[in-house]
Protein backbone atom coordinates (compact mmCIF):
# COMPACT_ATOMS: atom_id res chain seq x y z
CA MET A 1 -6.77 -12.77 15.82
CA ILE A 2 -9.49 -15.45 15.17
CA LYS A 3 -9.40 -18.21 17.76
CA VAL A 4 -9.41 -22.04 16.99
CA SER A 5 -12.52 -22.44 18.53
CA HIS A 6 -14.11 -19.86 16.46
CA ASN A 7 -12.61 -21.35 13.37
CA LEU A 8 -13.55 -24.74 14.10
CA LYS A 9 -17.07 -23.83 14.74
CA LEU A 10 -17.19 -22.18 11.48
CA HIS A 11 -15.63 -24.72 9.58
CA ARG A 12 -18.06 -27.46 11.16
CA ILE A 13 -21.11 -25.51 10.50
CA LYS A 14 -19.98 -24.70 6.65
CA ALA A 15 -19.51 -28.76 6.31
CA GLY A 16 -22.99 -28.89 7.66
CA LEU A 17 -22.42 -31.05 10.61
CA THR A 18 -23.58 -31.11 14.10
CA GLN A 19 -21.15 -31.15 17.00
CA LEU A 20 -22.65 -34.70 17.46
CA GLU A 21 -22.02 -35.82 14.01
CA LEU A 22 -18.36 -34.43 14.22
CA ALA A 23 -17.92 -36.15 17.51
CA ARG A 24 -19.10 -39.46 16.08
CA LYS A 25 -16.83 -39.10 13.11
CA LEU A 26 -13.86 -38.50 15.29
CA GLY A 27 -14.73 -41.27 17.69
CA VAL A 28 -14.99 -38.66 20.45
CA LYS A 29 -17.93 -37.61 22.86
CA GLU A 30 -19.83 -34.41 21.82
CA ARG A 31 -18.92 -32.36 25.04
CA VAL A 32 -14.94 -32.70 23.64
CA ILE A 33 -16.37 -30.89 20.49
CA THR A 34 -18.11 -28.43 22.91
CA PHE A 35 -15.07 -27.92 24.85
CA TRP A 36 -12.65 -27.26 21.52
CA GLU A 37 -15.54 -24.83 20.28
CA THR A 38 -15.85 -22.90 23.48
CA GLY A 39 -12.11 -22.83 24.01
CA ARG A 40 -11.72 -24.83 27.34
CA SER A 41 -9.43 -27.01 25.51
CA ASP A 42 -7.75 -27.89 22.25
CA PRO A 43 -7.35 -30.98 20.21
CA HIS A 44 -4.14 -32.89 19.69
CA ILE A 45 -2.20 -32.33 16.64
CA GLU A 46 -3.08 -35.84 15.46
CA GLN A 47 -7.08 -35.00 16.03
CA ALA A 48 -6.56 -31.52 14.00
CA VAL A 49 -5.56 -33.21 11.10
CA ASP A 50 -8.45 -35.72 11.22
CA ILE A 51 -10.80 -32.55 11.90
CA ALA A 52 -9.59 -30.88 8.87
CA LYS A 53 -9.89 -34.07 6.56
CA ILE A 54 -13.57 -34.66 7.81
CA LEU A 55 -14.29 -30.83 7.17
CA GLU A 56 -12.70 -30.87 4.07
CA THR A 57 -9.97 -28.27 4.55
CA GLU A 58 -6.24 -27.60 5.12
CA PRO A 59 -5.33 -27.99 8.88
CA LYS A 60 -3.81 -24.71 9.08
CA GLU A 61 -6.85 -23.09 8.09
CA ILE A 62 -8.63 -24.03 11.53
CA PHE A 63 -5.37 -24.49 13.69
CA PRO A 64 -2.95 -21.87 12.28
CA ASN A 65 -0.72 -21.93 15.33
CA MET A 66 -0.43 -25.75 15.16
CA PHE A 67 0.40 -25.64 11.53
CA SER A 68 2.43 -22.62 10.92
CA ASN A 69 5.82 -22.85 8.84
């Protein structure tokens, strides 16, 4: 099973964004993105939806456990 941290990093890189750029778009500090991408913490569901919009994908593609049927 692929972890959220791995999914997030892959989608961010695919979108051509740095951690800092994603952090600025979300209104969080860069270290928050680092924590999410290393599995130290997970975003709240509202943040997950915003992340998916920014990365132009569906939330369930990055966060399958949060958005399972």
